[in-house]
Amino acid sequence: MKAQKTAIVLIEFQNEFCKDGGKLHDMVKDEIARQKTVEHAIELAQGARQKGALIVHCGFVFDEQWVDDKCVCGIIAGAKEGGAFRPGDWGTEFIDELKPQEGDVVLEGKRALSGFTNTGLDEILQQHGIENVVIAGFLSNVCVEATSRSAYDRGYKVCVAKDATAAASEQNQQYVEREIYPILGEAKTSEQIVSELEE
């Protein structure tokens, strides 16, 4: 993959998921530890940035008005009930290890499962001439999968950094790696992805 035509989309590397005290941390902490999700995401972001790829940070910040207007149910309704991802809260902040750096893109407005919904991501990728979208983050079978499907539907070549993702269980992780990601593109390790990026 040409680095200049590749974007690394980091989904929800926020305190809510990644840190003790985060409202969703207990749900994923075992898988984060097993996968070494954060360590691999750092390796991916640093390596890809050095080679000239675009780094995109896609956080989730709860929009209560939108949820109320849309009668949202399921996982986002659960986040509302649990008080997760509130605007201005510590939980919504990107983790220190993956804070945006100069030249990175920070998306705003993500309030659904896909990183393309309401964020302007597609337009940003087009402006940068991106053809390849590499996706990492949370949850493997929810927002990572949804974003992968959206990227696929828009004609991007999709690759999931499988060791830089995490689900709520090993079973969910294995399922999505085995059954879903091959439909949409490829699933590779962070090391593989960085090594294959051409400057």
N, C-alpha and C. Protein backbone atom coordinates (compact mmCIF):
# COMPACT_ATOMS: atom_id res chain seq x y z
N MET A 1 0.84 -1.20 0.00
CA MET A 1 0.00 0.00 0.00
C MET A 1 0.88 1.25 0.00
N LYS A 2 0.50 2.20 -0.80
CA LYS A 2 1.18 3.48 -0.79
C LYS A 2 0.75 4.27 0.45
N ALA A 3 1.73 4.69 1.23
CA ALA A 3 1.42 5.40 2.47
C ALA A 3 0.63 6.68 2.20
N GLN A 4 0.99 7.39 1.15
CA GLN A 4 0.32 8.66 0.84
C GLN A 4 -1.15 8.48 0.47
N LYS A 5 -1.53 7.26 0.14
CA LYS A 5 -2.92 6.98 -0.24
C LYS A 5 -3.64 6.16 0.84
N THR A 6 -3.05 6.14 2.03
CA THR A 6 -3.58 5.31 3.11
C THR A 6 -3.94 6.17 4.33
N ALA A 7 -5.09 5.87 4.90
CA ALA A 7 -5.50 6.50 6.16
C ALA A 7 -5.62 5.44 7.24
N ILE A 8 -5.11 5.76 8.42
CA ILE A 8 -5.28 4.92 9.60
C ILE A 8 -6.38 5.55 10.44
N VAL A 9 -7.50 4.88 10.56
CA VAL A 9 -8.64 5.42 11.31
C VAL A 9 -8.67 4.75 12.68
N LEU A 10 -8.43 5.54 13.71
CA LEU A 10 -8.38 5.06 15.09
C LEU A 10 -9.71 5.37 15.76
N ILE A 11 -10.45 4.33 16.07
CA ILE A 11 -11.82 4.49 16.55
C ILE A 11 -11.89 4.34 18.07
N GLU A 12 -12.24 5.43 18.71
CA GLU A 12 -12.61 5.45 20.13
C GLU A 12 -11.51 4.98 21.09
N PHE A 13 -10.28 5.40 20.82
CA PHE A 13 -9.21 5.17 21.80
C PHE A 13 -9.34 6.25 22.87
N GLN A 14 -10.40 6.13 23.64
CA GLN A 14 -10.77 7.10 24.65
C GLN A 14 -10.71 6.46 26.02
N ASN A 15 -10.63 7.29 27.02
CA ASN A 15 -10.53 6.79 28.40
C ASN A 15 -11.68 5.88 28.77
N GLU A 16 -12.84 6.13 28.21
CA GLU A 16 -14.02 5.34 28.56
C GLU A 16 -13.79 3.84 28.33
N PHE A 17 -13.10 3.51 27.26
CA PHE A 17 -12.77 2.12 26.95
C PHE A 17 -11.43 1.68 27.55
N CYS A 18 -10.44 2.55 27.49
CA CYS A 18 -9.06 2.11 27.65
C CYS A 18 -8.48 2.22 29.05
N LYS A 19 -9.10 2.95 29.94
CA LYS A 19 -8.48 3.24 31.23
C LYS A 19 -9.35 2.79 32.41
N ASP A 20 -8.68 2.39 33.49
CA ASP A 20 -9.40 2.11 34.73
C ASP A 20 -10.22 3.34 35.12
N GLY A 21 -11.45 3.13 35.45
CA GLY A 21 -12.35 4.23 35.76
C GLY A 21 -13.24 4.61 34.59
N GLY A 22 -12.87 4.16 33.39
CA GLY A 22 -13.73 4.37 32.24
C GLY A 22 -15.00 3.54 32.39
N LYS A 23 -16.11 4.09 31.96
CA LYS A 23 -17.39 3.42 32.19
C LYS A 23 -17.54 2.13 31.39
N LEU A 24 -16.77 1.95 30.33
CA LEU A 24 -16.86 0.73 29.52
C LEU A 24 -15.60 -0.12 29.62
N HIS A 25 -14.69 0.30 30.49
CA HIS A 25 -13.40 -0.40 30.56
C HIS A 25 -13.55 -1.84 31.04
N ASP A 26 -14.36 -2.07 32.03
CA ASP A 26 -14.51 -3.43 32.55
C ASP A 26 -15.01 -4.40 31.48
N MET A 27 -15.79 -3.89 30.56
CA MET A 27 -16.34 -4.74 29.50
C MET A 27 -15.25 -5.26 28.56
N VAL A 28 -14.19 -4.47 28.37
CA VAL A 28 -13.19 -4.82 27.36
C VAL A 28 -11.78 -5.03 27.91
N LYS A 29 -11.59 -4.83 29.20
CA LYS A 29 -10.22 -4.83 29.74
C LYS A 29 -9.49 -6.15 29.52
N ASP A 30 -10.19 -7.27 29.62
CA ASP A 30 -9.53 -8.56 29.42
C ASP A 30 -9.06 -8.71 27.98
N GLU A 31 -9.89 -8.30 27.05
CA GLU A 31 -9.51 -8.41 25.64
C GLU A 31 -8.43 -7.40 25.27
N ILE A 32 -8.49 -6.20 25.85
CA ILE A 32 -7.41 -5.23 25.63
C ILE A 32 -6.08 -5.81 26.07
N ALA A 33 -6.08 -6.48 27.21
CA ALA A 33 -4.85 -7.08 27.72
C ALA A 33 -4.41 -8.25 26.85
N ARG A 34 -5.34 -9.10 26.47
CA ARG A 34 -5.00 -10.27 25.65
C ARG A 34 -4.48 -9.86 24.28
N GLN A 35 -5.14 -8.90 23.68
CA GLN A 35 -4.78 -8.44 22.33
C GLN A 35 -3.59 -7.48 22.34
N LYS A 36 -3.33 -6.87 23.51
CA LYS A 36 -2.38 -5.76 23.58
C LYS A 36 -2.80 -4.66 22.60
N THR A 37 -4.07 -4.35 22.69
CA THR A 37 -4.69 -3.44 21.73
C THR A 37 -4.02 -2.08 21.68
N VAL A 38 -3.82 -1.47 22.82
CA VAL A 38 -3.25 -0.12 22.84
C VAL A 38 -1.81 -0.13 22.35
N GLU A 39 -1.03 -1.08 22.80
CA GLU A 39 0.37 -1.16 22.37
C GLU A 39 0.47 -1.31 20.86
N HIS A 40 -0.39 -2.14 20.29
CA HIS A 40 -0.35 -2.33 18.84
C HIS A 40 -0.86 -1.10 18.10
N ALA A 41 -1.84 -0.41 18.67
CA ALA A 41 -2.34 0.81 18.03
C ALA A 41 -1.27 1.89 18.01
N ILE A 42 -0.49 1.98 19.08
CA ILE A 42 0.62 2.94 19.12
C ILE A 42 1.64 2.60 18.04
N GLU A 43 1.98 1.32 17.95
CA GLU A 43 2.92 0.86 16.91
C GLU A 43 2.40 1.20 15.52
N LEU A 44 1.12 0.97 15.31
CA LEU A 44 0.50 1.25 14.01
C LEU A 44 0.53 2.74 13.69
N ALA A 45 0.07 3.56 14.64
CA ALA A 45 -0.01 5.00 14.40
C ALA A 45 1.37 5.61 14.18
N GLN A 46 2.32 5.26 15.03
CA GLN A 46 3.66 5.82 14.90
C GLN A 46 4.33 5.39 13.61
N GLY A 47 4.24 4.11 13.31
CA GLY A 47 4.89 3.60 12.10
C GLY A 47 4.28 4.17 10.84
N ALA A 48 2.96 4.23 10.80
CA ALA A 48 2.29 4.75 9.61
C ALA A 48 2.51 6.24 9.45
N ARG A 49 2.51 6.97 10.55
CA ARG A 49 2.76 8.41 10.51
C ARG A 49 4.16 8.69 9.96
N GLN A 50 5.13 7.94 10.41
CA GLN A 50 6.51 8.13 9.94
C GLN A 50 6.65 7.89 8.45
N LYS A 51 5.81 7.01 7.92
CA LYS A 51 5.89 6.70 6.49
C LYS A 51 5.03 7.62 5.63
N GLY A 52 4.25 8.50 6.29
CA GLY A 52 3.48 9.48 5.54
C GLY A 52 2.01 9.20 5.37
N ALA A 53 1.49 8.19 6.09
CA ALA A 53 0.05 7.93 6.03
C ALA A 53 -0.71 8.97 6.84
N LEU A 54 -1.98 9.13 6.52
CA LEU A 54 -2.85 10.05 7.24
C LEU A 54 -3.40 9.34 8.47
N ILE A 55 -3.30 9.99 9.62
CA ILE A 55 -3.83 9.44 10.86
C ILE A 55 -5.11 10.18 11.22
N VAL A 56 -6.18 9.41 11.40
CA VAL A 56 -7.49 9.99 11.69
C VAL A 56 -7.98 9.47 13.04
N HIS A 57 -8.33 10.40 13.93
CA HIS A 57 -8.85 10.06 15.25
C HIS A 57 -10.36 10.23 15.25
N CYS A 58 -11.04 9.15 15.57
CA CYS A 58 -12.50 9.15 15.51
C CYS A 58 -13.05 8.79 16.88
N GLY A 59 -13.37 9.80 17.66
CA GLY A 59 -13.93 9.57 18.99
C GLY A 59 -15.44 9.63 18.96
N PHE A 60 -16.03 9.17 20.06
CA PHE A 60 -17.47 9.23 20.21
C PHE A 60 -17.79 10.19 21.36
N VAL A 61 -18.66 11.13 21.11
CA VAL A 61 -19.13 12.02 22.16
C VAL A 61 -20.65 11.99 22.11
N PHE A 62 -21.25 11.70 23.25
CA PHE A 62 -22.68 11.45 23.31
C PHE A 62 -23.49 12.70 22.97
N ASP A 63 -24.42 12.53 22.05
CA ASP A 63 -25.33 13.61 21.66
C ASP A 63 -26.74 13.22 22.11
N GLU A 64 -27.10 13.66 23.30
CA GLU A 64 -28.37 13.23 23.89
C GLU A 64 -29.57 13.68 23.07
N GLN A 65 -29.50 14.87 22.50
CA GLN A 65 -30.61 15.37 21.71
C GLN A 65 -30.84 14.50 20.48
N TRP A 66 -29.72 14.11 19.83
CA TRP A 66 -29.84 13.25 18.65
C TRP A 66 -30.44 11.91 19.03
N VAL A 67 -29.97 11.34 20.14
CA VAL A 67 -30.50 10.05 20.58
C VAL A 67 -31.98 10.15 20.88
N ASP A 68 -32.38 11.21 21.56
CA ASP A 68 -33.79 11.38 21.89
C ASP A 68 -34.64 11.56 20.62
N ASP A 69 -34.12 12.34 19.68
CA ASP A 69 -34.86 12.60 18.44
C ASP A 69 -35.00 11.34 17.59
N LYS A 70 -33.96 10.49 17.60
CA LYS A 70 -33.94 9.32 16.73
C LYS A 70 -34.50 8.06 17.39
N CYS A 71 -34.85 8.15 18.65
CA CYS A 71 -35.36 6.97 19.38
C CYS A 71 -34.39 5.80 19.28
N VAL A 72 -33.13 6.10 19.50
CA VAL A 72 -32.07 5.09 19.39
C VAL A 72 -32.23 4.04 20.48
N CYS A 73 -31.99 2.78 20.09
CA CYS A 73 -32.03 1.69 21.04
C CYS A 73 -30.69 0.96 21.00
N GLY A 74 -30.61 -0.19 21.63
CA GLY A 74 -29.40 -1.00 21.55
C GLY A 74 -28.23 -0.41 22.30
N ILE A 75 -27.04 -0.57 21.73
CA ILE A 75 -25.81 -0.24 22.43
C ILE A 75 -25.68 1.25 22.73
N ILE A 76 -26.14 2.11 21.83
CA ILE A 76 -26.03 3.55 22.09
C ILE A 76 -27.01 3.97 23.18
N ALA A 77 -28.19 3.36 23.20
CA ALA A 77 -29.11 3.62 24.30
C ALA A 77 -28.49 3.16 25.62
N GLY A 78 -27.75 2.05 25.58
CA GLY A 78 -27.07 1.57 26.77
C GLY A 78 -26.00 2.54 27.25
N ALA A 79 -25.29 3.15 26.30
CA ALA A 79 -24.29 4.15 26.67
C ALA A 79 -24.96 5.35 27.33
N LYS A 80 -26.12 5.72 26.82
CA LYS A 80 -26.87 6.83 27.42
C LYS A 80 -27.24 6.51 28.87
N GLU A 81 -27.78 5.33 29.06
CA GLU A 81 -28.22 4.93 30.41
C GLU A 81 -27.04 4.85 31.37
N GLY A 82 -25.87 4.46 30.85
CA GLY A 82 -24.69 4.32 31.70
C GLY A 82 -23.91 5.60 31.91
N GLY A 83 -24.34 6.66 31.25
CA GLY A 83 -23.66 7.94 31.40
C GLY A 83 -22.31 8.01 30.73
N ALA A 84 -22.08 7.19 29.71
CA ALA A 84 -20.78 7.14 29.04
C ALA A 84 -20.66 8.22 27.96
N PHE A 85 -19.41 8.62 27.69
CA PHE A 85 -19.07 9.53 26.59
C PHE A 85 -19.80 10.88 26.68
N ARG A 86 -19.93 11.39 27.87
CA ARG A 86 -20.58 12.69 28.04
C ARG A 86 -19.65 13.81 27.58
N PRO A 87 -20.18 14.82 26.91
CA PRO A 87 -19.35 15.95 26.47
C PRO A 87 -18.60 16.59 27.63
N GLY A 88 -17.29 16.78 27.46
CA GLY A 88 -16.48 17.43 28.46
C GLY A 88 -15.97 16.53 29.57
N ASP A 89 -16.44 15.30 29.62
CA ASP A 89 -15.99 14.36 30.65
C ASP A 89 -14.61 13.79 30.33
N TRP A 90 -13.91 13.38 31.39
CA TRP A 90 -12.62 12.70 31.22
C TRP A 90 -12.74 11.47 30.31
N GLY A 91 -13.85 10.78 30.41
CA GLY A 91 -14.03 9.55 29.64
C GLY A 91 -14.02 9.75 28.14
N THR A 92 -14.38 10.94 27.67
CA THR A 92 -14.41 11.19 26.23
C THR A 92 -13.05 11.58 25.66
N GLU A 93 -12.11 11.90 26.52
CA GLU A 93 -10.79 12.33 26.04
C GLU A 93 -10.03 11.16 25.41
N PHE A 94 -9.25 11.47 24.38
CA PHE A 94 -8.36 10.46 23.81
C PHE A 94 -7.29 10.11 24.84
N ILE A 95 -6.90 8.85 24.86
CA ILE A 95 -5.88 8.44 25.83
C ILE A 95 -4.56 9.15 25.53
N ASP A 96 -3.79 9.38 26.58
CA ASP A 96 -2.54 10.12 26.43
C ASP A 96 -1.61 9.47 25.42
N GLU A 97 -1.59 8.15 25.38
CA GLU A 97 -0.67 7.44 24.50
C GLU A 97 -0.99 7.64 23.01
N LEU A 98 -2.23 8.05 22.72
CA LEU A 98 -2.63 8.23 21.32
C LEU A 98 -3.27 9.59 21.11
N LYS A 99 -2.77 10.59 21.79
CA LYS A 99 -3.25 11.95 21.56
C LYS A 99 -2.96 12.36 20.11
N PRO A 100 -3.87 13.08 19.49
CA PRO A 100 -3.60 13.57 18.13
C PRO A 100 -2.33 14.42 18.07
N GLN A 101 -1.59 14.26 16.99
CA GLN A 101 -0.37 15.01 16.77
C GLN A 101 -0.54 15.92 15.56
N GLU A 102 0.42 16.82 15.41
CA GLU A 102 0.37 17.75 14.28
C GLU A 102 0.28 16.98 12.97
N GLY A 103 -0.66 17.39 12.14
CA GLY A 103 -0.87 16.73 10.86
C GLY A 103 -1.95 15.67 10.89
N ASP A 104 -2.35 15.24 12.09
CA ASP A 104 -3.44 14.27 12.21
C ASP A 104 -4.78 14.97 11.99
N VAL A 105 -5.79 14.18 11.68
CA VAL A 105 -7.16 14.68 11.54
C VAL A 105 -7.97 14.19 12.73
N VAL A 106 -8.73 15.09 13.33
CA VAL A 106 -9.62 14.72 14.43
C VAL A 106 -11.06 14.93 13.97
N LEU A 107 -11.82 13.86 13.90
CA LEU A 107 -13.22 13.94 13.48
C LEU A 107 -14.10 14.39 14.64
N GLU A 108 -15.15 15.08 14.31
CA GLU A 108 -16.15 15.47 15.30
C GLU A 108 -17.51 15.03 14.82
N GLY A 109 -18.39 14.77 15.76
CA GLY A 109 -19.77 14.48 15.41
C GLY A 109 -20.15 13.03 15.34
N LYS A 110 -19.21 12.11 15.65
CA LYS A 110 -19.59 10.69 15.61
C LYS A 110 -20.59 10.41 16.72
N ARG A 111 -21.75 9.96 16.33
CA ARG A 111 -22.80 9.68 17.30
C ARG A 111 -23.56 8.42 16.94
N ALA A 112 -23.05 7.71 15.96
CA ALA A 112 -23.63 6.43 15.55
C ALA A 112 -22.50 5.41 15.51
N LEU A 113 -22.76 4.25 14.94
CA LEU A 113 -21.75 3.18 14.97
C LEU A 113 -20.64 3.39 13.95
N SER A 114 -20.97 3.82 12.76
CA SER A 114 -19.97 4.00 11.72
C SER A 114 -19.23 5.33 11.87
N GLY A 115 -17.93 5.28 11.66
CA GLY A 115 -17.12 6.49 11.68
C GLY A 115 -17.40 7.42 10.52
N PHE A 116 -18.17 6.97 9.56
CA PHE A 116 -18.52 7.82 8.42
C PHE A 116 -19.78 8.64 8.68
N THR A 117 -20.58 8.26 9.65
CA THR A 117 -21.87 8.92 9.88
C THR A 117 -21.67 10.25 10.60
N ASN A 118 -22.06 11.31 9.91
CA ASN A 118 -22.10 12.65 10.51
C ASN A 118 -20.73 13.23 10.83
N THR A 119 -19.65 12.68 10.28
CA THR A 119 -18.30 13.15 10.63
C THR A 119 -17.57 13.84 9.48
N GLY A 120 -18.06 13.69 8.27
CA GLY A 120 -17.34 14.23 7.12
C GLY A 120 -16.14 13.40 6.73
N LEU A 121 -16.03 12.17 7.25
CA LEU A 121 -14.84 11.35 6.99
C LEU A 121 -14.64 11.09 5.50
N ASP A 122 -15.70 10.76 4.80
CA ASP A 122 -15.56 10.45 3.37
C ASP A 122 -14.98 11.63 2.61
N GLU A 123 -15.48 12.83 2.89
CA GLU A 123 -14.98 14.02 2.20
C GLU A 123 -13.51 14.26 2.53
N ILE A 124 -13.14 14.06 3.78
CA ILE A 124 -11.74 14.25 4.19
C ILE A 124 -10.84 13.26 3.47
N LEU A 125 -11.26 12.02 3.39
CA LEU A 125 -10.45 11.01 2.70
C LEU A 125 -10.31 11.35 1.22
N GLN A 126 -11.38 11.81 0.62
CA GLN A 126 -11.31 12.17 -0.79
C GLN A 126 -10.37 13.35 -1.01
N GLN A 127 -10.43 14.34 -0.11
CA GLN A 127 -9.56 15.50 -0.22
C GLN A 127 -8.08 15.13 -0.16
N HIS A 128 -7.77 14.07 0.58
CA HIS A 128 -6.39 13.63 0.73
C HIS A 128 -6.00 12.55 -0.28
N GLY A 129 -6.90 12.22 -1.18
CA GLY A 129 -6.59 11.22 -2.19
C GLY A 129 -6.42 9.81 -1.63
N ILE A 130 -7.15 9.50 -0.59
CA ILE A 130 -7.01 8.22 0.09
C ILE A 130 -7.74 7.12 -0.69
N GLU A 131 -7.06 5.99 -0.81
CA GLU A 131 -7.65 4.80 -1.44
C GLU A 131 -7.76 3.63 -0.46
N ASN A 132 -6.86 3.59 0.52
CA ASN A 132 -6.80 2.49 1.47
C ASN A 132 -7.18 2.98 2.86
N VAL A 133 -8.10 2.27 3.51
CA VAL A 133 -8.52 2.65 4.86
C VAL A 133 -8.19 1.50 5.81
N VAL A 134 -7.33 1.80 6.76
CA VAL A 134 -6.96 0.84 7.80
C VAL A 134 -7.68 1.24 9.08
N ILE A 135 -8.36 0.29 9.69
CA ILE A 135 -9.22 0.61 10.82
C ILE A 135 -8.76 -0.14 12.07
N ALA A 136 -8.72 0.59 13.19
CA ALA A 136 -8.37 0.01 14.48
C ALA A 136 -9.28 0.60 15.54
N GLY A 137 -9.44 -0.11 16.66
CA GLY A 137 -10.20 0.47 17.76
C GLY A 137 -11.27 -0.42 18.34
N PHE A 138 -12.36 0.23 18.76
CA PHE A 138 -13.41 -0.42 19.56
C PHE A 138 -14.78 -0.18 18.94
N LEU A 139 -15.65 -1.08 19.16
CA LEU A 139 -15.46 -2.49 19.44
C LEU A 139 -15.30 -3.21 18.11
N SER A 140 -14.57 -4.29 18.11
CA SER A 140 -14.26 -4.99 16.86
C SER A 140 -15.51 -5.34 16.06
N ASN A 141 -16.52 -5.80 16.75
CA ASN A 141 -17.74 -6.27 16.09
C ASN A 141 -18.86 -5.23 16.10
N VAL A 142 -18.53 -4.01 16.47
CA VAL A 142 -19.54 -2.96 16.49
C VAL A 142 -19.06 -1.79 15.62
N CYS A 143 -18.36 -0.82 16.20
CA CYS A 143 -17.97 0.37 15.43
C CYS A 143 -16.88 0.08 14.40
N VAL A 144 -15.95 -0.82 14.72
CA VAL A 144 -14.92 -1.17 13.75
C VAL A 144 -15.57 -1.86 12.55
N GLU A 145 -16.45 -2.80 12.83
CA GLU A 145 -17.15 -3.48 11.74
C GLU A 145 -18.02 -2.51 10.94
N ALA A 146 -18.77 -1.66 11.64
CA ALA A 146 -19.66 -0.72 10.95
C ALA A 146 -18.87 0.24 10.06
N THR A 147 -17.74 0.71 10.55
CA THR A 147 -16.91 1.63 9.78
C THR A 147 -16.29 0.91 8.58
N SER A 148 -15.91 -0.34 8.78
CA SER A 148 -15.36 -1.14 7.68
C SER A 148 -16.40 -1.34 6.59
N ARG A 149 -17.62 -1.62 6.98
CA ARG A 149 -18.68 -1.79 5.99
C ARG A 149 -18.93 -0.49 5.22
N SER A 150 -18.93 0.62 5.93
CA SER A 150 -19.14 1.91 5.27
C SER A 150 -18.01 2.24 4.30
N ALA A 151 -16.78 1.95 4.71
CA ALA A 151 -15.64 2.19 3.83
C ALA A 151 -15.72 1.32 2.58
N TYR A 152 -16.07 0.07 2.78
CA TYR A 152 -16.22 -0.86 1.66
C TYR A 152 -17.29 -0.36 0.69
N ASP A 153 -18.42 0.05 1.22
CA ASP A 153 -19.52 0.52 0.37
C ASP A 153 -19.15 1.77 -0.41
N ARG A 154 -18.18 2.53 0.09
CA ARG A 154 -17.75 3.75 -0.59
C ARG A 154 -16.58 3.52 -1.53
N GLY A 155 -16.15 2.29 -1.67
CA GLY A 155 -15.14 1.97 -2.66
C GLY A 155 -13.70 2.00 -2.17
N TYR A 156 -13.49 2.10 -0.87
CA TYR A 156 -12.13 2.06 -0.34
C TYR A 156 -11.66 0.62 -0.17
N LYS A 157 -10.37 0.44 -0.26
CA LYS A 157 -9.77 -0.85 0.07
C LYS A 157 -9.64 -0.91 1.59
N VAL A 158 -10.26 -1.90 2.20
CA VAL A 158 -10.37 -1.96 3.66
C VAL A 158 -9.39 -2.97 4.25
N CYS A 159 -8.74 -2.56 5.31
CA CYS A 159 -7.89 -3.47 6.09
C CYS A 159 -8.12 -3.16 7.57
N VAL A 160 -8.39 -4.19 8.35
CA VAL A 160 -8.53 -4.02 9.79
C VAL A 160 -7.24 -4.45 10.47
N ALA A 161 -6.74 -3.59 11.34
CA ALA A 161 -5.56 -3.94 12.14
C ALA A 161 -6.05 -4.80 13.31
N LYS A 162 -6.10 -6.09 13.09
CA LYS A 162 -6.83 -6.98 14.00
C LYS A 162 -6.25 -7.02 15.41
N ASP A 163 -4.96 -6.78 15.56
CA ASP A 163 -4.39 -6.79 16.91
C ASP A 163 -4.47 -5.43 17.59
N ALA A 164 -4.99 -4.44 16.89
CA ALA A 164 -5.21 -3.11 17.46
C ALA A 164 -6.69 -2.84 17.63
N THR A 165 -7.46 -3.92 17.81
CA THR A 165 -8.88 -3.82 18.06
C THR A 165 -9.19 -4.65 19.31
N ALA A 166 -10.41 -4.50 19.81
CA ALA A 166 -10.86 -5.35 20.90
C ALA A 166 -12.38 -5.40 20.90
N ALA A 167 -12.89 -6.57 21.28
CA ALA A 167 -14.32 -6.76 21.49
C ALA A 167 -14.55 -7.02 22.97
N ALA A 168 -15.79 -7.34 23.30
CA ALA A 168 -16.09 -7.62 24.70
C ALA A 168 -15.72 -9.04 25.11
N SER A 169 -15.42 -9.90 24.12
CA SER A 169 -15.04 -11.27 24.43
C SER A 169 -14.14 -11.81 23.33
N GLU A 170 -13.36 -12.83 23.68
CA GLU A 170 -12.52 -13.47 22.68
C GLU A 170 -13.37 -14.14 21.60
N GLN A 171 -14.51 -14.65 21.99
CA GLN A 171 -15.42 -15.28 21.03
C GLN A 171 -15.87 -14.27 19.98
N ASN A 172 -16.27 -13.08 20.41
CA ASN A 172 -16.69 -12.05 19.46
C ASN A 172 -15.55 -11.64 18.55
N GLN A 173 -14.35 -11.52 19.12
CA GLN A 173 -13.18 -11.14 18.33
C GLN A 173 -12.88 -12.18 17.26
N GLN A 174 -12.89 -13.42 17.66
CA GLN A 174 -12.58 -14.49 16.71
C GLN A 174 -13.64 -14.58 15.62
N TYR A 175 -14.89 -14.38 16.00
CA TYR A 175 -15.96 -14.44 15.01
C TYR A 175 -15.80 -13.38 13.93
N VAL A 176 -15.59 -12.14 14.37
CA VAL A 176 -15.52 -11.06 13.39
C VAL A 176 -14.28 -11.19 12.52
N GLU A 177 -13.17 -11.66 13.09
CA GLU A 177 -11.96 -11.88 12.29
C GLU A 177 -12.16 -12.99 11.26
N ARG A 178 -12.88 -14.00 11.66
CA ARG A 178 -13.06 -15.17 10.78
C ARG A 178 -14.17 -14.98 9.76
N GLU A 179 -15.29 -14.37 10.18
CA GLU A 179 -16.48 -14.36 9.34
C GLU A 179 -16.79 -13.02 8.67
N ILE A 180 -16.38 -11.92 9.26
CA ILE A 180 -16.79 -10.60 8.76
C ILE A 180 -15.69 -9.89 7.99
N TYR A 181 -14.53 -9.74 8.60
CA TYR A 181 -13.46 -8.96 7.95
C TYR A 181 -13.08 -9.49 6.57
N PRO A 182 -13.02 -10.82 6.35
CA PRO A 182 -12.67 -11.30 5.00
C PRO A 182 -13.68 -10.90 3.92
N ILE A 183 -14.93 -10.65 4.33
CA ILE A 183 -15.95 -10.21 3.37
C ILE A 183 -15.65 -8.79 2.90
N LEU A 184 -15.09 -8.00 3.79
CA LEU A 184 -14.93 -6.56 3.53
C LEU A 184 -13.55 -6.18 3.05
N GLY A 185 -12.58 -7.05 3.24
CA GLY A 185 -11.21 -6.74 2.84
C GLY A 185 -10.23 -7.68 3.49
N GLU A 186 -9.29 -7.11 4.24
CA GLU A 186 -8.26 -7.90 4.87
C GLU A 186 -8.19 -7.59 6.36
N ALA A 187 -7.62 -8.53 7.10
CA ALA A 187 -7.31 -8.30 8.51
C ALA A 187 -5.86 -8.71 8.72
N LYS A 188 -5.04 -7.75 9.17
CA LYS A 188 -3.62 -8.00 9.34
C LYS A 188 -3.16 -7.44 10.69
N THR A 189 -1.98 -7.84 11.10
CA THR A 189 -1.41 -7.27 12.32
C THR A 189 -0.88 -5.87 12.03
N SER A 190 -0.70 -5.13 13.07
CA SER A 190 -0.15 -3.78 12.92
C SER A 190 1.24 -3.81 12.31
N GLU A 191 2.03 -4.76 12.75
CA GLU A 191 3.39 -4.90 12.21
C GLU A 191 3.36 -5.16 10.71
N GLN A 192 2.47 -6.05 10.28
CA GLN A 192 2.34 -6.34 8.85
C GLN A 192 1.96 -5.09 8.07
N ILE A 193 0.99 -4.36 8.59
CA ILE A 193 0.50 -3.17 7.89
C ILE A 193 1.61 -2.14 7.73
N VAL A 194 2.31 -1.85 8.81
CA VAL A 194 3.38 -0.85 8.74
C VAL A 194 4.47 -1.30 7.78
N SER A 195 4.82 -2.57 7.82
CA SER A 195 5.90 -3.07 6.96
C SER A 195 5.52 -3.01 5.48
N GLU A 196 4.22 -3.10 5.19
CA GLU A 196 3.76 -3.09 3.80
C GLU A 196 3.51 -1.68 3.26
N LEU A 197 3.54 -0.69 4.12
CA LEU A 197 3.35 0.68 3.66
C LEU A 197 4.58 1.15 2.89
N GLU A 198 4.35 1.66 1.70
CA GLU A 198 5.44 2.16 0.87
C GLU A 198 5.47 3.68 0.93
N GLU A 199 6.64 4.22 1.21
CA GLU A 199 6.77 5.69 1.30
C GLU A 199 6.75 6.31 -0.09
